[in-house]
C-alpha atoms as a PDB file:
ATOM      1  CA  UNK A   1      98.695  15.891 138.160  1.00  0.00           C
ATOM      2  CA  UNK A   2      97.014  12.982 136.807  1.00  0.00           C
ATOM      3  CA  UNK A   3      98.918   9.907 135.501  1.00  0.00           C
ATOM      4  CA  UNK A   4      99.080   9.530 131.596  1.00  0.00           C
ATOM      5  CA  UNK A   5      98.794   5.826 131.233  1.00  0.00           C
ATOM      6  CA  UNK A   6      99.837   4.418 127.926  1.00  0.00           C
ATOM      7  CA  UNK A   7     101.088   7.882 126.576  1.00  0.00           C
ATOM      8  CA  UNK A   8     104.378   8.054 124.928  1.00  0.00           C
ATOM      9  CA  UNK A   9     106.993  10.837 125.361  1.00  0.00           C
ATOM     10  CA  UNK A  10     110.144  11.341 123.322  1.00  0.00           C
ATOM     11  CA  UNK A  11     112.729  13.578 125.100  1.00  0.00           C
ATOM     12  CA  UNK A  12     115.517  14.591 122.935  1.00  0.00           C
ATOM     13  CA  UNK A  13     118.627  15.817 124.944  1.00  0.00           C
ATOM     14  CA  UNK A  14     117.703  13.725 127.980  1.00  0.00           C
ATOM     15  CA  UNK A  15     121.127  12.318 128.959  1.00  0.00           C
ATOM     16  CA  UNK A  16     121.771  14.791 131.962  1.00  0.00           C
ATOM     17  CA  UNK A  17     120.553  17.822 133.743  1.00  0.00           C
ATOM     18  CA  UNK A  18     117.308  19.295 132.668  1.00  0.00           C
ATOM     19  CA  UNK A  19     116.507  16.707 129.998  1.00  0.00           C
ATOM     20  CA  UNK A  20     117.158  13.855 132.646  1.00  0.00           C
ATOM     21  CA  UNK A  21     114.692  15.358 134.929  1.00  0.00           C
ATOM     22  CA  UNK A  22     112.067  15.814 132.434  1.00  0.00           C
ATOM     23  CA  UNK A  23     112.418  12.146 131.392  1.00  0.00           C
ATOM     24  CA  UNK A  24     112.243  10.853 134.801  1.00  0.00           C
ATOM     25  CA  UNK A  25     109.311  12.983 135.825  1.00  0.00           C
ATOM     26  CA  UNK A  26     107.373  12.189 132.777  1.00  0.00           C
ATOM     27  CA  UNK A  27     107.922   8.339 133.596  1.00  0.00           C
ATOM     28  CA  UNK A  28     106.905   9.092 137.052  1.00  0.00           C
ATOM     29  CA  UNK A  29     103.537  10.482 135.822  1.00  0.00           C
ATOM     30  CA  UNK A  30     102.816   7.458 133.710  1.00  0.00           C
ATOM     31  CA  UNK A  31     104.561   8.075 130.253  1.00  0.00           C
ATOM     32  CA  UNK A  32     106.435   5.567 128.532  1.00  0.00           C
ATOM     33  CA  UNK A  33     109.623   7.480 127.990  1.00  0.00           C
ATOM     34  CA  UNK A  34     112.226   7.282 125.068  1.00  0.00           C
ATOM     35  CA  UNK A  35     115.527   8.914 126.314  1.00  0.00           C
ATOM     36  CA  UNK A  36     117.333  10.388 123.212  1.00  0.00           C
ATOM     37  CA  UNK A  37     120.821  12.111 122.986  1.00  0.00           C
ATOM     38  CA  UNK A  38     124.404  11.309 121.861  1.00  0.00           C
ATOM     39  CA  UNK A  39     126.071   9.944 125.187  1.00  0.00           C
ATOM     40  CA  UNK A  40     125.976   6.309 125.909  1.00  0.00           C
ATOM     41  CA  UNK A  41     127.440   3.946 128.469  1.00  0.00           C
ATOM     42  CA  UNK A  42     126.991   0.548 129.949  1.00  0.00           C
ATOM     43  CA  UNK A  43     124.696   1.437 132.702  1.00  0.00           C
ATOM     44  CA  UNK A  44     125.229  -1.788 134.486  1.00  0.00           C
ATOM     45  CA  UNK A  45     128.669  -0.844 135.197  1.00  0.00           C
ATOM     46  CA  UNK A  46     128.101   2.615 136.322  1.00  0.00           C
ATOM     47  CA  UNK A  47     129.422   3.251 139.963  1.00  0.00           C
ATOM     48  CA  UNK A  48     128.175   4.785 141.978  1.00  0.00           C
ATOM     49  CA  UNK A  49     124.603   4.622 140.567  1.00  0.00           C
ATOM     50  CA  UNK A  50     122.726   6.799 139.958  1.00  0.00           C
ATOM     51  CA  UNK A  51     125.608   8.976 138.706  1.00  0.00           C
ATOM     52  CA  UNK A  52     125.856  12.748 139.300  1.00  0.00           C
ATOM     53  CA  UNK A  53     122.985  13.909 136.933  1.00  0.00           C
ATOM     54  CA  UNK A  54     125.115  16.828 135.703  1.00  0.00           C
ATOM     55  CA  UNK A  55     128.308  14.869 134.873  1.00  0.00           C
ATOM     56  CA  UNK A  56     129.524  12.998 131.873  1.00  0.00           C
ATOM     57  CA  UNK A  57     128.741   9.659 133.766  1.00  0.00           C
ATOM     58  CA  UNK A  58     124.929  10.525 133.107  1.00  0.00           C
ATOM     59  CA  UNK A  59     123.981   9.064 129.769  1.00  0.00           C
ATOM     60  CA  UNK A  60     120.714   7.785 128.054  1.00  0.00           C
ATOM     61  CA  UNK A  61     121.462   4.388 129.420  1.00  0.00           C
ATOM     62  CA  UNK A  62     121.782   5.433 133.084  1.00  0.00           C
ATOM     63  CA  UNK A  63     118.722   7.504 132.708  1.00  0.00           C
ATOM     64  CA  UNK A  64     116.764   4.665 131.159  1.00  0.00           C
ATOM     65  CA  UNK A  65     118.026   2.549 134.279  1.00  0.00           C
ATOM     66  CA  UNK A  66     116.875   5.042 136.693  1.00  0.00           C
ATOM     67  CA  UNK A  67     113.525   5.029 135.368  1.00  0.00           C
ATOM     68  CA  UNK A  68     113.115   1.075 135.004  1.00  0.00           C
ATOM     69  CA  UNK A  69     114.631   0.828 138.360  1.00  0.00           C
ATOM     70  CA  UNK A  70     111.736   3.003 139.711  1.00  0.00           C
ATOM     71  CA  UNK A  71     109.196   0.988 138.038  1.00  0.00           C
ATOM     72  CA  UNK A  72     108.634   3.095 134.985  1.00  0.00           C
ATOM     73  CA  UNK A  73     108.855   2.432 131.261  1.00  0.00           C
ATOM     74  CA  UNK A  74     111.756   3.648 129.159  1.00  0.00           C
ATOM     75  CA  UNK A  75     113.928   3.011 126.193  1.00  0.00           C
ATOM     76  CA  UNK A  76     117.122   4.805 125.279  1.00  0.00           C
ATOM     77  CA  UNK A  77     117.862   5.682 121.563  1.00  0.00           C
ATOM     78  CA  UNK A  78     121.059   7.334 120.404  1.00  0.00           C
ATOM     79  CA  UNK A  79     120.523  10.369 118.120  1.00  0.00           C
ATOM     80  CA  UNK A  80     122.757  13.038 116.394  1.00  0.00           C
ATOM     81  CA  UNK A  81     120.513  15.965 116.079  1.00  0.00           C
ATOM     82  CA  UNK A  82     122.814  17.502 113.506  1.00  0.00           C
ATOM     83  CA  UNK A  83     121.939  14.455 111.166  1.00  0.00           C
ATOM     84  CA  UNK A  84     118.498  14.349 109.774  1.00  0.00           C
ATOM     85  CA  UNK A  85     118.794  10.640 109.071  1.00  0.00           C
ATOM     86  CA  UNK A  86     119.690   9.943 112.664  1.00  0.00           C
ATOM     87  CA  UNK A  87     116.692  12.124 113.749  1.00  0.00           C
ATOM     88  CA  UNK A  88     114.227  10.270 111.439  1.00  0.00           C
ATOM     89  CA  UNK A  89     115.504   6.902 112.633  1.00  0.00           C
ATOM     90  CA  UNK A  90     114.921   7.979 116.256  1.00  0.00           C
ATOM     91  CA  UNK A  91     111.489   8.950 115.815  1.00  0.00           C
ATOM     92  CA  UNK A  92     110.638   5.937 113.449  1.00  0.00           C
ATOM     93  CA  UNK A  93     112.215   3.782 116.233  1.00  0.00           C
ATOM     94  CA  UNK A  94     110.085   5.431 118.927  1.00  0.00           C
ATOM     95  CA  UNK A  95     106.973   4.560 117.117  1.00  0.00           C
ATOM     96  CA  UNK A  96     108.058   1.131 116.218  1.00  0.00           C
ATOM     97  CA  UNK A  97     108.760   0.477 119.956  1.00  0.00           C
ATOM     98  CA  UNK A  98     105.546   2.081 121.441  1.00  0.00           C
ATOM     99  CA  UNK A  99     103.048   2.233 118.376  1.00  0.00           C
ATOM    100  CA  UNK A 100     102.601   5.886 119.077  1.00  0.00           C
ATOM    101  CA  UNK A 101     103.886   9.342 119.907  1.00  0.00           C
ATOM    102  CA  UNK A 102     101.948  11.804 122.170  1.00  0.00           C
ATOM    103  CA  UNK A 103     104.468  14.177 123.479  1.00  0.00           C
ATOM    104  CA  UNK A 104     107.784  15.541 122.058  1.00  0.00           C
ATOM    105  CA  UNK A 105     110.347  17.472 124.034  1.00  0.00           C
ATOM    106  CA  UNK A 106     113.280  19.068 122.430  1.00  0.00           C
ATOM    107  CA  UNK A 107     115.789  19.924 124.884  1.00  0.00           C
ATOM    108  CA  UNK A 108     119.095  19.373 122.826  1.00  0.00           C
ATOM    109  CA  UNK A 109     121.073  22.508 122.733  1.00  0.00           C
ATOM    110  CA  UNK A 110     124.713  23.832 122.035  1.00  0.00           C
ATOM    111  CA  UNK A 111     125.708  26.962 123.691  1.00  0.00           C
ATOM    112  CA  UNK A 112     128.288  29.541 123.410  1.00  0.00           C
ATOM    113  CA  UNK A 113     127.890  33.046 124.799  1.00  0.00           C
ATOM    114  CA  UNK A 114     130.180  35.533 123.441  1.00  0.00           C
ATOM    115  CA  UNK A 115     130.288  38.697 121.003  1.00  0.00           C
ATOM    116  CA  UNK A 116     129.996  38.152 117.175  1.00  0.00           C
ATOM    117  CA  UNK A 117     133.603  38.666 116.734  1.00  0.00           C
ATOM    118  CA  UNK A 118     134.599  36.095 119.434  1.00  0.00           C
ATOM    119  CA  UNK A 119     132.319  33.446 117.817  1.00  0.00           C
ATOM    120  CA  UNK A 120     133.980  31.393 115.309  1.00  0.00           C
ATOM    121  CA  UNK A 121     132.103  30.288 112.160  1.00  0.00           C
ATOM    122  CA  UNK A 122     132.355  26.773 113.063  1.00  0.00           C
ATOM    123  CA  UNK A 123     130.935  27.388 116.550  1.00  0.00           C
ATOM    124  CA  UNK A 124     127.983  29.341 114.942  1.00  0.00           C
ATOM    125  CA  UNK A 125     127.172  26.665 112.612  1.00  0.00           C
ATOM    126  CA  UNK A 126     127.362  23.944 115.330  1.00  0.00           C
ATOM    127  CA  UNK A 127     124.761  26.152 117.327  1.00  0.00           C
ATOM    128  CA  UNK A 128     122.533  26.346 114.261  1.00  0.00           C
ATOM    129  CA  UNK A 129     122.658  22.875 113.472  1.00  0.00           C
ATOM    130  CA  UNK A 130     121.778  21.494 117.053  1.00  0.00           C
ATOM    131  CA  UNK A 131     119.458  24.280 118.056  1.00  0.00           C
ATOM    132  CA  UNK A 132     117.033  25.505 115.267  1.00  0.00           C
ATOM    133  CA  UNK A 133     117.849  22.799 112.364  1.00  0.00           C
ATOM    134  CA  UNK A 134     117.721  19.932 115.090  1.00  0.00           C
ATOM    135  CA  UNK A 135     114.305  21.075 116.238  1.00  0.00           C
ATOM    136  CA  UNK A 136     113.043  21.664 112.581  1.00  0.00           C
ATOM    137  CA  UNK A 137     114.159  18.058 111.445  1.00  0.00           C
ATOM    138  CA  UNK A 138     112.610  16.514 114.817  1.00  0.00           C
ATOM    139  CA  UNK A 139     109.401  18.101 114.251  1.00  0.00           C
ATOM    140  CA  UNK A 140     109.352  17.216 110.431  1.00  0.00           C
ATOM    141  CA  UNK A 141     110.039  13.655 111.362  1.00  0.00           C
ATOM    142  CA  UNK A 142     107.327  13.586 114.087  1.00  0.00           C
ATOM    143  CA  UNK A 143     104.463  15.306 112.413  1.00  0.00           C
ATOM    144  CA  UNK A 144     103.392  12.452 110.163  1.00  0.00           C
ATOM    145  CA  UNK A 145     103.027  10.336 113.414  1.00  0.00           C
ATOM    146  CA  UNK A 146     100.962  13.096 115.168  1.00  0.00           C
ATOM    147  CA  UNK A 147      98.615  13.055 112.017  1.00  0.00           C
ATOM    148  CA  UNK A 148      98.294   9.180 112.382  1.00  0.00           C
ATOM    149  CA  UNK A 149      97.372   9.988 116.171  1.00  0.00           C
ATOM    150  CA  UNK A 150      94.487  12.147 114.945  1.00  0.00           C
ATOM    151  CA  UNK A 151      96.445  15.231 115.485  1.00  0.00           C
ATOM    152  CA  UNK A 152      96.349  15.014 119.220  1.00  0.00           C
ATOM    153  CA  UNK A 153      99.537  15.811 121.005  1.00  0.00           C
ATOM    154  CA  UNK A 154     102.179  18.239 122.627  1.00  0.00           C
ATOM    155  CA  UNK A 155     105.366  19.626 121.466  1.00  0.00           C
ATOM    156  CA  UNK A 156     107.539  21.152 123.910  1.00  0.00           C
ATOM    157  CA  UNK A 157     110.480  23.356 122.936  1.00  0.00           C
ATOM    158  CA  UNK A 158     113.258  24.659 125.164  1.00  0.00           C
ATOM    159  CA  UNK A 159     113.449  28.138 123.888  1.00  0.00           C
ATOM    160  CA  UNK A 160     113.024  31.734 125.223  1.00  0.00           C
ATOM    161  CA  UNK A 161     110.692  34.455 124.974  1.00  0.00           C
ATOM    162  CA  UNK A 162     111.485  37.032 122.334  1.00  0.00           C
ATOM    163  CA  UNK A 163     112.882  40.281 123.571  1.00  0.00           C
ATOM    164  CA  UNK A 164     115.792  42.453 122.521  1.00  0.00           C
ATOM    165  CA  UNK A 165     117.774  42.074 125.731  1.00  0.00           C
ATOM    166  CA  UNK A 166     118.291  38.364 125.202  1.00  0.00           C
ATOM    167  CA  UNK A 167     120.402  39.144 122.240  1.00  0.00           C
ATOM    168  CA  UNK A 168     123.185  40.999 124.238  1.00  0.00           C
ATOM    169  CA  UNK A 169     126.670  39.310 124.477  1.00  0.00           C
ATOM    170  CA  UNK A 170     125.360  36.118 122.842  1.00  0.00           C
ATOM    171  CA  UNK A 171     124.131  37.059 119.492  1.00  0.00           C
ATOM    172  CA  UNK A 172     125.124  34.082 117.554  1.00  0.00           C
ATOM    173  CA  UNK A 173     123.325  31.748 120.294  1.00  0.00           C
ATOM    174  CA  UNK A 174     120.382  33.980 120.478  1.00  0.00           C
ATOM    175  CA  UNK A 175     119.679  33.761 116.556  1.00  0.00           C
ATOM    176  CA  UNK A 176     119.318  29.986 116.810  1.00  0.00           C
ATOM    177  CA  UNK A 177     117.304  30.104 120.202  1.00  0.00           C
ATOM    178  CA  UNK A 178     114.652  32.878 119.102  1.00  0.00           C
ATOM    179  CA  UNK A 179     114.562  31.043 115.648  1.00  0.00           C
ATOM    180  CA  UNK A 180     113.326  27.983 117.794  1.00  0.00           C
ATOM    181  CA  UNK A 181     110.750  30.374 119.435  1.00  0.00           C
ATOM    182  CA  UNK A 182     109.654  31.436 115.856  1.00  0.00           C
ATOM    183  CA  UNK A 183     109.022  27.907 114.941  1.00  0.00           C
ATOM    184  CA  UNK A 184     106.798  27.640 117.923  1.00  0.00           C
ATOM    185  CA  UNK A 185     104.768  30.571 117.015  1.00  0.00           C
ATOM    186  CA  UNK A 186     104.543  29.644 113.488  1.00  0.00           C
ATOM    187  CA  UNK A 187     103.670  25.956 113.803  1.00  0.00           C
ATOM    188  CA  UNK A 188     101.025  26.903 116.263  1.00  0.00           C
ATOM    189  CA  UNK A 189      99.364  29.076 113.608  1.00  0.00           C
ATOM    190  CA  UNK A 190      99.503  26.002 111.248  1.00  0.00           C
ATOM    191  CA  UNK A 191      97.599  24.019 113.721  1.00  0.00           C
ATOM    192  CA  UNK A 192      95.085  26.924 114.006  1.00  0.00           C
ATOM    193  CA  UNK A 193      94.731  27.358 110.494  1.00  0.00           C
ATOM    194  CA  UNK A 194      94.463  23.619 109.566  1.00  0.00           C
ATOM    195  CA  UNK A 195      91.900  23.010 112.613  1.00  0.00           C
ATOM    196  CA  UNK A 196      94.223  20.899 114.365  1.00  0.00           C
ATOM    197  CA  UNK A 197      92.740  21.970 117.772  1.00  0.00           C
ATOM    198  CA  UNK A 198      94.078  19.174 119.918  1.00  0.00           C
ATOM    199  CA  UNK A 199      97.610  19.818 118.835  1.00  0.00           C
ATOM    200  CA  UNK A 200      99.810  22.307 120.801  1.00  0.00           C
ATOM    201  CA  UNK A 201     103.430  23.450 120.402  1.00  0.00           C
ATOM    202  CA  UNK A 202     104.921  25.453 123.502  1.00  0.00           C
ATOM    203  CA  UNK A 203     108.196  26.965 124.302  1.00  0.00           C
ATOM    204  CA  UNK A 204     109.424  26.907 127.921  1.00  0.00           C
ATOM    205  CA  UNK A 205     112.309  28.735 129.673  1.00  0.00           C
ATOM    206  CA  UNK A 206     113.596  29.172 132.972  1.00  0.00           C
ATOM    207  CA  UNK A 207     112.818  32.439 134.798  1.00  0.00           C
ATOM    208  CA  UNK A 208     115.852  31.792 137.128  1.00  0.00           C
ATOM    209  CA  UNK A 209     119.064  29.801 136.390  1.00  0.00           C
ATOM    210  CA  UNK A 210     118.600  26.098 137.149  1.00  0.00           C
ATOM    211  CA  UNK A 211     121.255  23.592 138.129  1.00  0.00           C
ATOM    212  CA  UNK A 212     122.994  21.948 135.171  1.00  0.00           C
ATOM    213  CA  UNK A 213     126.438  21.377 133.784  1.00  0.00           C
ATOM    214  CA  UNK A 214     126.203  24.732 132.316  1.00  0.00           C
ATOM    215  CA  UNK A 215     125.987  26.409 135.903  1.00  0.00           C
ATOM    216  CA  UNK A 216     128.479  24.233 137.758  1.00  0.00           C
ATOM    217  CA  UNK A 217     130.482  27.260 139.280  1.00  0.00           C
ATOM    218  CA  UNK A 218     130.215  26.800 143.090  1.00  0.00           C
ATOM    219  CA  UNK A 219     129.886  30.667 143.551  1.00  0.00           C
ATOM    220  CA  UNK A 220     126.646  30.875 141.838  1.00  0.00           C
ATOM    221  CA  UNK A 221     124.990  27.836 143.547  1.00  0.00           C
ATOM    222  CA  UNK A 222     122.777  29.859 145.809  1.00  0.00           C
ATOM    223  CA  UNK A 223     121.289  31.503 142.490  1.00  0.00           C
ATOM    224  CA  UNK A 224     120.078  28.323 141.183  1.00  0.00           C
ATOM    225  CA  UNK A 225     116.887  26.234 141.189  1.00  0.00           C
ATOM    226  CA  UNK A 226     116.597  22.697 140.913  1.00  0.00           C
ATOM    227  CA  UNK A 227     115.505  21.238 137.446  1.00  0.00           C
ATOM    228  CA  UNK A 228     112.209  20.141 139.063  1.00  0.00           C
ATOM    229  CA  UNK A 229     110.776  23.457 138.518  1.00  0.00           C
ATOM    230  CA  UNK A 230     111.257  22.920 134.816  1.00  0.00           C
ATOM    231  CA  UNK A 231     109.735  19.388 134.805  1.00  0.00           C
ATOM    232  CA  UNK A 232     106.802  20.495 136.828  1.00  0.00           C
ATOM    233  CA  UNK A 233     106.090  23.363 134.340  1.00  0.00           C
ATOM    234  CA  UNK A 234     106.281  20.977 131.570  1.00  0.00           C
ATOM    235  CA  UNK A 235     103.641  18.559 133.220  1.00  0.00           C
ATOM    236  CA  UNK A 236     101.356  21.608 133.724  1.00  0.00           C
ATOM    237  CA  UNK A 237     101.573  22.500 130.058  1.00  0.00           C
ATOM    238  CA  UNK A 238     100.728  18.963 129.423  1.00  0.00           C
ATOM    239  CA  UNK A 239      97.636  19.019 131.716  1.00  0.00           C
ATOM    240  CA  UNK A 240      96.343  22.023 130.266  1.00  0.00           C
ATOM    241  CA  UNK A 241      93.932  22.364 127.224  1.00  0.00           C
ATOM    242  CA  UNK A 242      95.766  22.511 123.918  1.00  0.00           C
ATOM    243  CA  UNK A 243      94.268  25.892 123.052  1.00  0.00           C
ATOM    244  CA  UNK A 244      95.522  27.553 126.118  1.00  0.00           C
ATOM    245  CA  UNK A 245      99.108  26.767 125.669  1.00  0.00           C
ATOM    246  CA  UNK A 246      99.394  26.484 121.872  1.00  0.00           C
ATOM    247  CA  UNK A 247     101.881  29.054 120.646  1.00  0.00           C
ATOM    248  CA  UNK A 248     102.914  30.193 123.971  1.00  0.00           C
ATOM    249  CA  UNK A 249     106.419  31.296 124.886  1.00  0.00           C
ATOM    250  CA  UNK A 250     106.223  30.482 128.626  1.00  0.00           C
ATOM    251  CA  UNK A 251     108.596  30.963 131.729  1.00  0.00           C
ATOM    252  CA  UNK A 252     108.501  28.108 134.241  1.00  0.00           C
ATOM    253  CA  UNK A 253     107.818  30.139 137.228  1.00  0.00           C
ATOM    254  CA  UNK A 254     105.021  32.331 135.680  1.00  0.00           C
ATOM    255  CA  UNK A 255     103.465  29.216 134.080  1.00  0.00           C
ATOM    256  CA  UNK A 256     103.404  27.366 137.410  1.00  0.00           C
ATOM    257  CA  UNK A 257     101.945  30.620 138.982  1.00  0.00           C
ATOM    258  CA  UNK A 258      99.283  30.714 136.526  1.00  0.00           C
ATOM    259  CA  UNK A 259      98.250  27.128 136.074  1.00  0.00           C
ATOM    260  CA  UNK A 260      99.217  25.479 139.417  1.00  0.00           C
ATOM    261  CA  UNK A 261      98.628  28.622 141.811  1.00  0.00           C
ATOM    262  CA  UNK A 262     102.110  28.375 143.093  1.00  0.00           C
ATOM    263  CA  UNK A 263     103.645  31.519 144.709  1.00  0.00           C
ATOM    264  CA  UNK A 264     106.057  30.074 146.901  1.00  0.00           C
ATOM    265  CA  UNK A 265     108.953  28.662 144.836  1.00  0.00           C
ATOM    266  CA  UNK A 266     111.339  27.907 147.789  1.00  0.00           C
ATOM    267  CA  UNK A 267     110.983  24.199 147.381  1.00  0.00           C
ATOM    268  CA  UNK A 268     113.001  24.578 144.254  1.00  0.00           C
ATOM    269  CA  UNK A 269     116.027  26.545 145.617  1.00  0.00           C
ATOM    270  CA  UNK A 270     119.108  24.379 145.503  1.00  0.00           C
ATOM    271  CA  UNK A 271     120.482  26.090 148.554  1.00  0.00           C
ATOM    272  CA  UNK A 272     117.696  25.848 151.141  1.00  0.00           C
ATOM    273  CA  UNK A 273     116.520  29.378 152.289  1.00  0.00           C
ATOM    274  CA  UNK A 274     118.073  30.985 149.312  1.00  0.00           C
ATOM    275  CA  UNK A 275     116.081  33.042 146.828  1.00  0.00           C
ATOM    276  CA  UNK A 276     117.515  32.639 143.377  1.00  0.00           C
ATOM    277  CA  UNK A 277     117.412  35.976 141.445  1.00  0.00           C
ATOM    278  CA  UNK A 278     114.864  36.149 138.476  1.00  0.00           C
ATOM    279  CA  UNK A 279     117.069  36.677 135.294  1.00  0.00           C
ATOM    280  CA  UNK A 280     114.200  36.981 132.949  1.00  0.00           C
ATOM    281  CA  UNK A 281     112.111  40.399 132.562  1.00  0.00           C
ATOM    282  CA  UNK A 282     109.183  40.591 134.647  1.00  0.00           C
ATOM    283  CA  UNK A 283     107.169  41.928 131.623  1.00  0.00           C
ATOM    284  CA  UNK A 284     107.631  40.649 128.197  1.00  0.00           C
ATOM    285  CA  UNK A 285     106.640  42.302 124.775  1.00  0.00           C
ATOM    286  CA  UNK A 286     103.384  41.524 122.945  1.00  0.00           C
ATOM    287  CA  UNK A 287     104.291  40.206 119.615  1.00  0.00           C
ATOM    288  CA  UNK A 288     100.801  40.325 117.908  1.00  0.00           C
ATOM    289  CA  UNK A 289      99.595  43.310 116.064  1.00  0.00           C
ATOM    290  CA  UNK A 290      96.208  44.880 115.421  1.00  0.00           C
ATOM    291  CA  UNK A 291      95.975  43.202 111.941  1.00  0.00           C
ATOM    292  CA  UNK A 292      97.090  39.768 113.209  1.00  0.00           C
ATOM    293  CA  UNK A 293      94.300  37.852 111.557  1.00  0.00           C
ATOM    294  CA  UNK A 294      94.845  39.686 108.145  1.00  0.00           C
ATOM    295  CA  UNK A 295      96.767  37.403 106.050  1.00  0.00           C
ATOM    296  CA  UNK A 296      96.192  39.201 102.656  1.00  0.00           C
ATOM    297  CA  UNK A 297      96.391  36.582  99.900  1.00  0.00           C
ATOM    298  CA  UNK A 298      97.547  33.112 101.133  1.00  0.00           C
ATOM    299  CA  UNK A 299     100.628  31.847  99.266  1.00  0.00           C
ATOM    300  CA  UNK A 300     101.642  28.200  99.460  1.00  0.00           C
ATOM    301  CA  UNK A 301     104.731  27.373  97.409  1.00  0.00           C
ATOM    302  CA  UNK A 302     103.738  23.590  97.309  1.00  0.00           C
ATOM    303  CA  UNK A 303     100.868  24.606  95.053  1.00  0.00           C
ATOM    304  CA  UNK A 304     103.175  26.169  92.582  1.00  0.00           C
ATOM    305  CA  UNK A 305     105.832  24.589  90.381  1.00  0.00           C
ATOM    306  CA  UNK A 306     108.389  22.844  92.385  1.00  0.00           C
ATOM    307  CA  UNK A 307     111.611  24.870  92.621  1.00  0.00           C
ATOM    308  CA  UNK A 308     114.952  23.263  92.225  1.00  0.00           C
ATOM    309  CA  UNK A 309     117.079  22.979  95.533  1.00  0.00           C
END
């Protein structure tokens, strides 16, 4: 894949695991990377270095140091995605530092998998604030900068395809993650309607489980893939024409097969020789309807009297 010289990528949720790998691989491919999350540390005192990428020792500061030590360009910014003011400051500081924004990756996430009865309200609210609300706020803060960039750029969202099995046993979590995918679909339609043909928003999700802090159980190690499969898929999205990936809800394996002609995924297995089980459906439902282009009468609330909030 070609180098993206002088382009700037903001990776939100980049302190460890998948987000860390995305940030490092974007830097390797020429992006100036802003590493954003809540966790911080004094990277100069981290020993051993680099730390376990799935441990609490991995922070935005250690990821920044990893990138810089490898010859890349990176800046770490603290953000609390539950606080829109913090999100706005993160995006503003990104552009103050690098004068532009080309790629936004939203990887922040809160997780709790259980039944509705066993999911307390506080846990539900946390997931909604970090997942769909955090994403919405980050996009709201970033769109004016994409506009200044001539509406050229990519937004990458870590959220799943939409299908009913995903809701089972984790309804509260699914409400937020599927909401993020709805935002991907809806904003993609905005880009199309407004003629912003060089903007794209794409959701990406793993087809098989990926090694991270959330998958640390030794009993399932043979079922895991390395996070590099995910970052490779994101690089493939960024290399594709905007029109081909705008509004798509992709799976990493399927996307690499489609755009990079990869059929052998053994290089991504955490345990050499293992074949991680695909946990996502082989075929996903089509969301479009026959009347897809029939909007009826368009309504825009901003053109009407402002309602009180």
